[in-house]
PDB file of N, CA and C in Angstrom:
ATOM      1  N   MET A   1      85.787 121.269 119.479  1.00  0.00           N
ATOM      2  CA  MET A   1      86.559 120.179 118.939  1.00  0.00           C
ATOM      3  C   MET A   1      86.585 120.305 117.420  1.00  0.00           C
ATOM      4  N   LYS A   2      87.725 120.098 116.866  1.00  0.00           N
ATOM      5  CA  LYS A   2      87.924 120.177 115.430  1.00  0.00           C
ATOM      6  C   LYS A   2      87.267 119.011 114.711  1.00  0.00           C
ATOM      7  N   ALA A   3      86.531 119.286 113.647  1.00  0.00           N
ATOM      8  CA  ALA A   3      85.944 118.218 112.838  1.00  0.00           C
ATOM      9  C   ALA A   3      87.019 117.664 111.908  1.00  0.00           C
ATOM     10  N   PHE A   4      86.912 116.375 111.633  1.00  0.00           N
ATOM     11  CA  PHE A   4      87.859 115.780 110.695  1.00  0.00           C
ATOM     12  C   PHE A   4      87.624 116.356 109.307  1.00  0.00           C
ATOM     13  N   LYS A   5      88.701 116.764 108.661  1.00  0.00           N
ATOM     14  CA  LYS A   5      88.623 117.190 107.269  1.00  0.00           C
ATOM     15  C   LYS A   5      88.903 115.940 106.446  1.00  0.00           C
ATOM     16  N   LEU A   6      87.916 115.457 105.767  1.00  0.00           N
ATOM     17  CA  LEU A   6      88.065 114.206 105.041  1.00  0.00           C
ATOM     18  C   LEU A   6      88.722 114.411 103.686  1.00  0.00           C
ATOM     19  N   THR A   7      89.772 115.208 103.667  1.00  0.00           N
ATOM     20  CA  THR A   7      90.454 115.464 102.408  1.00  0.00           C
ATOM     21  C   THR A   7      91.505 114.413 102.115  1.00  0.00           C
ATOM     22  N   SER A   8      92.101 113.851 103.149  1.00  0.00           N
ATOM     23  CA  SER A   8      93.106 112.810 102.931  1.00  0.00           C
ATOM     24  C   SER A   8      93.331 112.032 104.220  1.00  0.00           C
ATOM     25  N   PRO A   9      93.822 110.810 104.109  1.00  0.00           N
ATOM     26  CA  PRO A   9      94.135 110.043 105.318  1.00  0.00           C
ATOM     27  C   PRO A   9      95.147 110.742 106.217  1.00  0.00           C
ATOM     28  N   SER A  10      96.121 111.428 105.642  1.00  0.00           N
ATOM     29  CA  SER A  10      97.120 112.105 106.484  1.00  0.00           C
ATOM     30  C   SER A  10      96.492 113.256 107.280  1.00  0.00           C
ATOM     31  N   ASP A  11      95.497 113.931 106.713  1.00  0.00           N
ATOM     32  CA  ASP A  11      94.793 114.985 107.452  1.00  0.00           C
ATOM     33  C   ASP A  11      94.026 114.393 108.636  1.00  0.00           C
ATOM     34  N   ILE A  12      93.426 113.230 108.430  1.00  0.00           N
ATOM     35  CA  ILE A  12      92.686 112.569 109.502  1.00  0.00           C
ATOM     36  C   ILE A  12      93.641 112.141 110.605  1.00  0.00           C
ATOM     37  N   LEU A  13      94.801 111.586 110.242  1.00  0.00           N
ATOM     38  CA  LEU A  13      95.791 111.178 111.240  1.00  0.00           C
ATOM     39  C   LEU A  13      96.269 112.370 112.055  1.00  0.00           C
ATOM     40  N   GLU A  14      96.505 113.482 111.381  1.00  0.00           N
ATOM     41  CA  GLU A  14      96.966 114.693 112.066  1.00  0.00           C
ATOM     42  C   GLU A  14      95.913 115.190 113.056  1.00  0.00           C
ATOM     43  N   ALA A  15      94.650 115.197 112.635  1.00  0.00           N
ATOM     44  CA  ALA A  15      93.573 115.643 113.525  1.00  0.00           C
ATOM     45  C   ALA A  15      93.394 114.676 114.689  1.00  0.00           C
ATOM     46  N   LEU A  16      93.520 113.378 114.431  1.00  0.00           N
ATOM     47  CA  LEU A  16      93.402 112.382 115.482  1.00  0.00           C
ATOM     48  C   LEU A  16      94.516 112.559 116.519  1.00  0.00           C
ATOM     49  N   ALA A  17      95.734 112.776 116.049  1.00  0.00           N
ATOM     50  CA  ALA A  17      96.869 112.993 116.954  1.00  0.00           C
ATOM     51  C   ALA A  17      96.608 114.202 117.857  1.00  0.00           C
ATOM     52  N   GLU A  18      96.108 115.265 117.272  1.00  0.00           N
ATOM     53  CA  GLU A  18      95.819 116.479 118.041  1.00  0.00           C
ATOM     54  C   GLU A  18      94.714 116.237 119.062  1.00  0.00           C
ATOM     55  N   ARG A  19      93.688 115.474 118.686  1.00  0.00           N
ATOM     56  CA  ARG A  19      92.586 115.179 119.609  1.00  0.00           C
ATOM     57  C   ARG A  19      93.056 114.336 120.790  1.00  0.00           C
ATOM     58  N   ILE A  20      93.902 113.338 120.510  1.00  0.00           N
ATOM     59  CA  ILE A  20      94.418 112.495 121.594  1.00  0.00           C
ATOM     60  C   ILE A  20      95.202 113.354 122.586  1.00  0.00           C
ATOM     61  N   LYS A  21      96.083 114.172 122.061  1.00  0.00           N
ATOM     62  CA  LYS A  21      96.906 115.025 122.935  1.00  0.00           C
ATOM     63  C   LYS A  21      96.030 115.989 123.738  1.00  0.00           C
ATOM     64  N   ASP A  22      95.081 116.645 123.082  1.00  0.00           N
ATOM     65  CA  ASP A  22      94.195 117.591 123.772  1.00  0.00           C
ATOM     66  C   ASP A  22      93.406 116.893 124.878  1.00  0.00           C
ATOM     67  N   ARG A  23      92.904 115.699 124.570  1.00  0.00           N
ATOM     68  CA  ARG A  23      92.102 114.946 125.554  1.00  0.00           C
ATOM     69  C   ARG A  23      92.965 114.544 126.751  1.00  0.00           C
ATOM     70  N   ARG A  24      94.212 114.123 126.485  1.00  0.00           N
ATOM     71  CA  ARG A  24      95.129 113.726 127.557  1.00  0.00           C
ATOM     72  C   ARG A  24      95.435 114.920 128.467  1.00  0.00           C
ATOM     73  N   ILE A  25      95.726 116.065 127.856  1.00  0.00           N
ATOM     74  CA  ILE A  25      96.056 117.259 128.631  1.00  0.00           C
ATOM     75  C   ILE A  25      94.842 117.716 129.445  1.00  0.00           C
ATOM     76  N   SER A  26      93.649 117.637 128.847  1.00  0.00           N
ATOM     77  CA  SER A  26      92.423 117.997 129.577  1.00  0.00           C
ATOM     78  C   SER A  26      92.197 117.083 130.776  1.00  0.00           C
ATOM     79  N   ALA A  27      92.633 115.825 130.651  1.00  0.00           N
ATOM     80  CA  ALA A  27      92.501 114.860 131.747  1.00  0.00           C
ATOM     81  C   ALA A  27      93.630 115.016 132.765  1.00  0.00           C
ATOM     82  N   ASP A  28      94.527 115.972 132.519  1.00  0.00           N
ATOM     83  CA  ASP A  28      95.649 116.251 133.415  1.00  0.00           C
ATOM     84  C   ASP A  28      96.549 115.030 133.595  1.00  0.00           C
ATOM     85  N   LEU A  29      96.847 114.361 132.464  1.00  0.00           N
ATOM     86  CA  LEU A  29      97.709 113.179 132.476  1.00  0.00           C
ATOM     87  C   LEU A  29      98.971 113.438 131.670  1.00  0.00           C
ATOM     88  N   THR A  30     100.073 112.879 132.127  1.00  0.00           N
ATOM     89  CA  THR A  30     101.287 112.891 131.316  1.00  0.00           C
ATOM     90  C   THR A  30     101.195 111.731 130.335  1.00  0.00           C
ATOM     91  N   GLN A  31     102.078 111.724 129.348  1.00  0.00           N
ATOM     92  CA  GLN A  31     102.096 110.610 128.402  1.00  0.00           C
ATOM     93  C   GLN A  31     102.380 109.297 129.120  1.00  0.00           C
ATOM     94  N   LYS A  32     103.281 109.322 130.092  1.00  0.00           N
ATOM     95  CA  LYS A  32     103.603 108.103 130.842  1.00  0.00           C
ATOM     96  C   LYS A  32     102.419 107.633 131.670  1.00  0.00           C
ATOM     97  N   GLU A  33     101.679 108.553 132.258  1.00  0.00           N
ATOM     98  CA  GLU A  33     100.492 108.175 133.033  1.00  0.00           C
ATOM     99  C   GLU A  33      99.416 107.586 132.132  1.00  0.00           C
ATOM    100  N   LEU A  34      99.229 108.175 130.955  1.00  0.00           N
ATOM    101  CA  LEU A  34      98.261 107.642 130.001  1.00  0.00           C
ATOM    102  C   LEU A  34      98.674 106.248 129.537  1.00  0.00           C
ATOM    103  N   ALA A  35      99.954 106.065 129.298  1.00  0.00           N
ATOM    104  CA  ALA A  35     100.453 104.753 128.885  1.00  0.00           C
ATOM    105  C   ALA A  35     100.145 103.709 129.952  1.00  0.00           C
ATOM    106  N   ALA A  36     100.409 104.043 131.208  1.00  0.00           N
ATOM    107  CA  ALA A  36     100.156 103.106 132.306  1.00  0.00           C
ATOM    108  C   ALA A  36      98.664 102.820 132.458  1.00  0.00           C
ATOM    109  N   ARG A  37      97.844 103.845 132.342  1.00  0.00           N
ATOM    110  CA  ARG A  37      96.398 103.693 132.509  1.00  0.00           C
ATOM    111  C   ARG A  37      95.776 102.874 131.378  1.00  0.00           C
ATOM    112  N   SER A  38      96.308 103.010 130.169  1.00  0.00           N
ATOM    113  CA  SER A  38      95.709 102.373 128.995  1.00  0.00           C
ATOM    114  C   SER A  38      96.299 101.007 128.666  1.00  0.00           C
ATOM    115  N   GLY A  39      97.503 100.738 129.178  1.00  0.00           N
ATOM    116  CA  GLY A  39      98.161  99.486 128.809  1.00  0.00           C
ATOM    117  C   GLY A  39      98.869  99.575 127.467  1.00  0.00           C
ATOM    118  N   VAL A  40      99.043 100.783 126.975  1.00  0.00           N
ATOM    119  CA  VAL A  40      99.746 101.042 125.716  1.00  0.00           C
ATOM    120  C   VAL A  40     101.149 101.523 126.079  1.00  0.00           C
ATOM    121  N   SER A  41     102.133 101.132 125.309  1.00  0.00           N
ATOM    122  CA  SER A  41     103.500 101.543 125.634  1.00  0.00           C
ATOM    123  C   SER A  41     103.654 103.065 125.524  1.00  0.00           C
ATOM    124  N   TYR A  42     104.586 103.584 126.293  1.00  0.00           N
ATOM    125  CA  TYR A  42     104.884 105.018 126.269  1.00  0.00           C
ATOM    126  C   TYR A  42     105.275 105.451 124.857  1.00  0.00           C
ATOM    127  N   ALA A  43     106.079 104.636 124.178  1.00  0.00           N
ATOM    128  CA  ALA A  43     106.508 104.970 122.810  1.00  0.00           C
ATOM    129  C   ALA A  43     105.309 105.056 121.868  1.00  0.00           C
ATOM    130  N   SER A  44     104.332 104.173 122.048  1.00  0.00           N
ATOM    131  CA  SER A  44     103.134 104.204 121.192  1.00  0.00           C
ATOM    132  C   SER A  44     102.300 105.447 121.457  1.00  0.00           C
ATOM    133  N   VAL A  45     102.185 105.842 122.725  1.00  0.00           N
ATOM    134  CA  VAL A  45     101.448 107.067 123.056  1.00  0.00           C
ATOM    135  C   VAL A  45     102.120 108.258 122.392  1.00  0.00           C
ATOM    136  N   ARG A  46     103.443 108.335 122.518  1.00  0.00           N
ATOM    137  CA  ARG A  46     104.185 109.439 121.891  1.00  0.00           C
ATOM    138  C   ARG A  46     103.968 109.462 120.382  1.00  0.00           C
ATOM    139  N   GLN A  47     104.045 108.290 119.758  1.00  0.00           N
ATOM    140  CA  GLN A  47     103.887 108.222 118.300  1.00  0.00           C
ATOM    141  C   GLN A  47     102.470 108.606 117.882  1.00  0.00           C
ATOM    142  N   LEU A  48     101.471 108.100 118.582  1.00  0.00           N
ATOM    143  CA  LEU A  48     100.093 108.443 118.235  1.00  0.00           C
ATOM    144  C   LEU A  48      99.832 109.939 118.405  1.00  0.00           C
ATOM    145  N   GLU A  49     100.409 110.542 119.432  1.00  0.00           N
ATOM    146  CA  GLU A  49     100.220 111.986 119.640  1.00  0.00           C
ATOM    147  C   GLU A  49     101.002 112.834 118.643  1.00  0.00           C
ATOM    148  N   SER A  50     102.113 112.326 118.165  1.00  0.00           N
ATOM    149  CA  SER A  50     102.929 113.151 117.271  1.00  0.00           C
ATOM    150  C   SER A  50     102.481 113.061 115.819  1.00  0.00           C
ATOM    151  N   ASN A  51     102.048 111.881 115.375  1.00  0.00           N
ATOM    152  CA  ASN A  51     101.677 111.768 113.959  1.00  0.00           C
ATOM    153  C   ASN A  51     100.419 110.948 113.711  1.00  0.00           C
ATOM    154  N   GLY A  52      99.780 110.455 114.762  1.00  0.00           N
ATOM    155  CA  GLY A  52      98.543 109.696 114.612  1.00  0.00           C
ATOM    156  C   GLY A  52      98.752 108.262 114.164  1.00  0.00           C
ATOM    157  N   LYS A  53      99.993 107.882 113.948  1.00  0.00           N
ATOM    158  CA  LYS A  53     100.259 106.529 113.461  1.00  0.00           C
ATOM    159  C   LYS A  53     100.421 105.568 114.628  1.00  0.00           C
ATOM    160  N   GLY A  54      99.860 104.406 114.483  1.00  0.00           N
ATOM    161  CA  GLY A  54      99.920 103.376 115.507  1.00  0.00           C
ATOM    162  C   GLY A  54      98.859 102.345 115.209  1.00  0.00           C
ATOM    163  N   SER A  55      98.734 101.398 116.075  1.00  0.00           N
ATOM    164  CA  SER A  55      97.750 100.343 115.828  1.00  0.00           C
ATOM    165  C   SER A  55      96.346 100.813 116.207  1.00  0.00           C
ATOM    166  N   LEU A  56      95.375 100.208 115.578  1.00  0.00           N
ATOM    167  CA  LEU A  56      93.980 100.504 115.910  1.00  0.00           C
ATOM    168  C   LEU A  56      93.703 100.093 117.349  1.00  0.00           C
ATOM    169  N   LEU A  57      94.274  98.980 117.787  1.00  0.00           N
ATOM    170  CA  LEU A  57      94.095  98.528 119.164  1.00  0.00           C
ATOM    171  C   LEU A  57      94.617  99.573 120.152  1.00  0.00           C
ATOM    172  N   ALA A  58      95.781 100.147 119.875  1.00  0.00           N
ATOM    173  CA  ALA A  58      96.335 101.179 120.754  1.00  0.00           C
ATOM    174  C   ALA A  58      95.408 102.394 120.801  1.00  0.00           C
ATOM    175  N   ALA A  59      94.888 102.803 119.666  1.00  0.00           N
ATOM    176  CA  ALA A  59      93.978 103.957 119.628  1.00  0.00           C
ATOM    177  C   ALA A  59      92.711 103.679 120.426  1.00  0.00           C
ATOM    178  N   ILE A  60      92.195 102.456 120.328  1.00  0.00           N
ATOM    179  CA  ILE A  60      90.992 102.093 121.087  1.00  0.00           C
ATOM    180  C   ILE A  60      91.285 102.090 122.587  1.00  0.00           C
ATOM    181  N   LYS A  61      92.429 101.542 122.982  1.00  0.00           N
ATOM    182  CA  LYS A  61      92.800 101.526 124.398  1.00  0.00           C
ATOM    183  C   LYS A  61      92.952 102.945 124.942  1.00  0.00           C
ATOM    184  N   LEU A  62      93.554 103.828 124.151  1.00  0.00           N
ATOM    185  CA  LEU A  62      93.688 105.225 124.585  1.00  0.00           C
ATOM    186  C   LEU A  62      92.311 105.872 124.704  1.00  0.00           C
ATOM    187  N   ALA A  63      91.438 105.590 123.750  1.00  0.00           N
ATOM    188  CA  ALA A  63      90.090 106.154 123.800  1.00  0.00           C
ATOM    189  C   ALA A  63      89.374 105.737 125.088  1.00  0.00           C
ATOM    190  N   TYR A  64      89.484 104.469 125.459  1.00  0.00           N
ATOM    191  CA  TYR A  64      88.858 104.013 126.706  1.00  0.00           C
ATOM    192  C   TYR A  64      89.484 104.690 127.919  1.00  0.00           C
ATOM    193  N   ALA A  65      90.790 104.803 127.934  1.00  0.00           N
ATOM    194  CA  ALA A  65      91.477 105.433 129.064  1.00  0.00           C
ATOM    195  C   ALA A  65      91.117 106.910 129.188  1.00  0.00           C
ATOM    196  N   LEU A  66      90.758 107.530 128.064  1.00  0.00           N
ATOM    197  CA  LEU A  66      90.422 108.955 128.055  1.00  0.00           C
ATOM    198  C   LEU A  66      88.916 109.198 128.013  1.00  0.00           C
ATOM    199  N   ASP A  67      88.124 108.148 128.255  1.00  0.00           N
ATOM    200  CA  ASP A  67      86.654 108.240 128.220  1.00  0.00           C
ATOM    201  C   ASP A  67      86.149 108.823 126.903  1.00  0.00           C
ATOM    202  N   ALA A  68      86.731 108.356 125.804  1.00  0.00           N
ATOM    203  CA  ALA A  68      86.346 108.857 124.479  1.00  0.00           C
ATOM    204  C   ALA A  68      85.941 107.731 123.544  1.00  0.00           C
ATOM    205  N   GLU A  69      85.571 106.586 124.102  1.00  0.00           N
ATOM    206  CA  GLU A  69      85.277 105.425 123.261  1.00  0.00           C
ATOM    207  C   GLU A  69      83.956 105.526 122.502  1.00  0.00           C
ATOM    208  N   ASP A  70      83.095 106.457 122.867  1.00  0.00           N
ATOM    209  CA  ASP A  70      81.799 106.592 122.204  1.00  0.00           C
ATOM    210  C   ASP A  70      81.923 106.836 120.707  1.00  0.00           C
ATOM    211  N   GLY A  71      82.986 107.493 120.285  1.00  0.00           N
ATOM    212  CA  GLY A  71      83.167 107.805 118.872  1.00  0.00           C
ATOM    213  C   GLY A  71      83.316 106.587 117.984  1.00  0.00           C
ATOM    214  N   PHE A  72      83.696 105.451 118.570  1.00  0.00           N
ATOM    215  CA  PHE A  72      83.876 104.252 117.756  1.00  0.00           C
ATOM    216  C   PHE A  72      82.555 103.609 117.358  1.00  0.00           C
ATOM    217  N   GLU A  73      81.457 103.981 118.017  1.00  0.00           N
ATOM    218  CA  GLU A  73      80.146 103.429 117.691  1.00  0.00           C
ATOM    219  C   GLU A  73      79.757 103.691 116.230  1.00  0.00           C
ATOM    220  N   ALA A  74      80.069 104.869 115.738  1.00  0.00           N
ATOM    221  CA  ALA A  74      79.655 105.254 114.391  1.00  0.00           C
ATOM    222  C   ALA A  74      80.656 104.840 113.315  1.00  0.00           C
ATOM    223  N   LEU A  75      81.830 104.410 113.725  1.00  0.00           N
ATOM    224  CA  LEU A  75      82.857 104.036 112.758  1.00  0.00           C
ATOM    225  C   LEU A  75      82.425 102.787 111.993  1.00  0.00           C
ATOM    226  N   PHE A  76      82.412 102.851 110.693  1.00  0.00           N
ATOM    227  CA  PHE A  76      81.999 101.760 109.813  1.00  0.00           C
ATOM    228  C   PHE A  76      80.590 101.254 110.117  1.00  0.00           C
ATOM    229  N   ASP A  77      79.720 102.148 110.526  1.00  0.00           N
ATOM    230  CA  ASP A  77      78.335 101.790 110.812  1.00  0.00           C
ATOM    231  C   ASP A  77      77.647 101.356 109.521  1.00  0.00           C
ATOM    232  N   ASN A  78      76.646 100.495 109.645  1.00  0.00           N
ATOM    233  CA  ASN A  78      75.907 100.038 108.467  1.00  0.00           C
ATOM    234  C   ASN A  78      75.187 101.204 107.811  1.00  0.00           C
ATOM    235  N   LYS A  79      75.125 101.151 106.507  1.00  0.00           N
ATOM    236  CA  LYS A  79      74.430 102.193 105.764  1.00  0.00           C
ATOM    237  C   LYS A  79      72.930 102.051 105.978  1.00  0.00           C
ATOM    238  N   SER A  80      72.230 103.169 105.986  1.00  0.00           N
ATOM    239  CA  SER A  80      70.779 103.153 106.114  1.00  0.00           C
ATOM    240  C   SER A  80      70.173 102.618 104.833  1.00  0.00           C
ATOM    241  N   PRO A  81      69.056 101.903 104.948  1.00  0.00           N
ATOM    242  CA  PRO A  81      68.402 101.382 103.739  1.00  0.00           C
ATOM    243  C   PRO A  81      67.980 102.523 102.811  1.00  0.00           C
ATOM    244  N   GLN A  82      68.156 102.306 101.517  1.00  0.00           N
ATOM    245  CA  GLN A  82      67.791 103.319 100.528  1.00  0.00           C
ATOM    246  C   GLN A  82      66.445 103.015  99.868  1.00  0.00           C
ATOM    247  N   SER A  83      66.025 101.755  99.931  1.00  0.00           N
ATOM    248  CA  SER A  83      64.746 101.370  99.322  1.00  0.00           C
ATOM    249  C   SER A  83      64.153 100.213 100.114  1.00  0.00           C
ATOM    250  N   ILE A  84      62.916  99.867  99.799  1.00  0.00           N
ATOM    251  CA  ILE A  84      62.254  98.767 100.491  1.00  0.00           C
ATOM    252  C   ILE A  84      62.970  97.441 100.214  1.00  0.00           C
ATOM    253  N   GLU A  85      63.577  97.310  99.037  1.00  0.00           N
ATOM    254  CA  GLU A  85      64.306  96.085  98.705  1.00  0.00           C
ATOM    255  C   GLU A  85      65.507  95.867  99.633  1.00  0.00           C
ATOM    256  N   ASP A  86      66.037  96.941 100.148  1.00  0.00           N
ATOM    257  CA  ASP A  86      67.166  96.838 101.076  1.00  0.00           C
ATOM    258  C   ASP A  86      66.749  96.265 102.428  1.00  0.00           C
ATOM    259  N   VAL A  87      65.459  96.302 102.725  1.00  0.00           N
ATOM    260  CA  VAL A  87      64.966  95.890 104.027  1.00  0.00           C
ATOM    261  C   VAL A  87      64.289  94.522 104.009  1.00  0.00           C
ATOM    262  N   VAL A  88      63.646  94.195 102.917  1.00  0.00           N
ATOM    263  CA  VAL A  88      62.839  92.978 102.833  1.00  0.00           C
ATOM    264  C   VAL A  88      63.724  91.739 102.791  1.00  0.00           C
ATOM    265  N   ASP A  89      63.535  90.855 103.746  1.00  0.00           N
ATOM    266  CA  ASP A  89      64.176  89.549 103.891  1.00  0.00           C
ATOM    267  C   ASP A  89      65.314  89.246 102.932  1.00  0.00           C
ATOM    268  N   LYS A  90      66.308  90.029 102.966  1.00  0.00           N
ATOM    269  CA  LYS A  90      67.479  89.831 102.139  1.00  0.00           C
ATOM    270  C   LYS A  90      68.575  89.242 103.017  1.00  0.00           C
ATOM    271  N   PRO A  91      69.172  88.114 102.625  1.00  0.00           N
ATOM    272  CA  PRO A  91      70.234  87.560 103.462  1.00  0.00           C
ATOM    273  C   PRO A  91      71.444  88.498 103.509  1.00  0.00           C
ATOM    274  N   LYS A  92      72.080  88.538 104.649  1.00  0.00           N
ATOM    275  CA  LYS A  92      73.252  89.390 104.814  1.00  0.00           C
ATOM    276  C   LYS A  92      74.423  88.792 104.052  1.00  0.00           C
ATOM    277  N   ARG A  93      75.077  89.615 103.243  1.00  0.00           N
ATOM    278  CA  ARG A  93      76.235  89.155 102.482  1.00  0.00           C
ATOM    279  C   ARG A  93      77.430  88.972 103.407  1.00  0.00           C
ATOM    280  N   LYS A  94      78.185  87.924 103.161  1.00  0.00           N
ATOM    281  CA  LYS A  94      79.370  87.645 103.968  1.00  0.00           C
ATOM    282  C   LYS A  94      80.656  87.838 103.196  1.00  0.00           C
ATOM    283  N   ARG A  95      80.571  87.889 101.876  1.00  0.00           N
ATOM    284  CA  ARG A  95      81.754  88.119 101.064  1.00  0.00           C
ATOM    285  C   ARG A  95      81.352  88.570  99.670  1.00  0.00           C
ATOM    286  N   VAL A  96      82.345  88.995  98.915  1.00  0.00           N
ATOM    287  CA  VAL A  96      82.126  89.437  97.544  1.00  0.00           C
ATOM    288  C   VAL A  96      82.822  88.461  96.610  1.00  0.00           C
ATOM    289  N   ARG A  97      82.099  88.016  95.611  1.00  0.00           N
ATOM    290  CA  ARG A  97      82.696  87.113  94.621  1.00  0.00           C
ATOM    291  C   ARG A  97      82.796  87.833  93.302  1.00  0.00           C
ATOM    292  N   ARG A  98      83.846  87.566  92.595  1.00  0.00           N
ATOM    293  CA  ARG A  98      84.054  88.150  91.253  1.00  0.00           C
ATOM    294  C   ARG A  98      84.116  87.046  90.246  1.00  0.00           C
TER     295      ARG A  98
END
């Protein structure tokens, strides 16, 4: 499997589109079958496979339909503590004020 090249958002979209298509073909599904299985429109499946563009909800639904949802666990994961001050009874921030 190709690793994401974090050089630009468009590179990530292109790699994501390729991964979705590869996963669908490996599952022996047509785009229409994937659309029906995931609850995502056929047009959205085509668009996500061709250029990676679409809604996050559609991408998540496709991931579940293709048994690939595990990858979302690490997305926007909390950063590991860098010092003891990061761990000691510090209230969780809910917003940023300027």
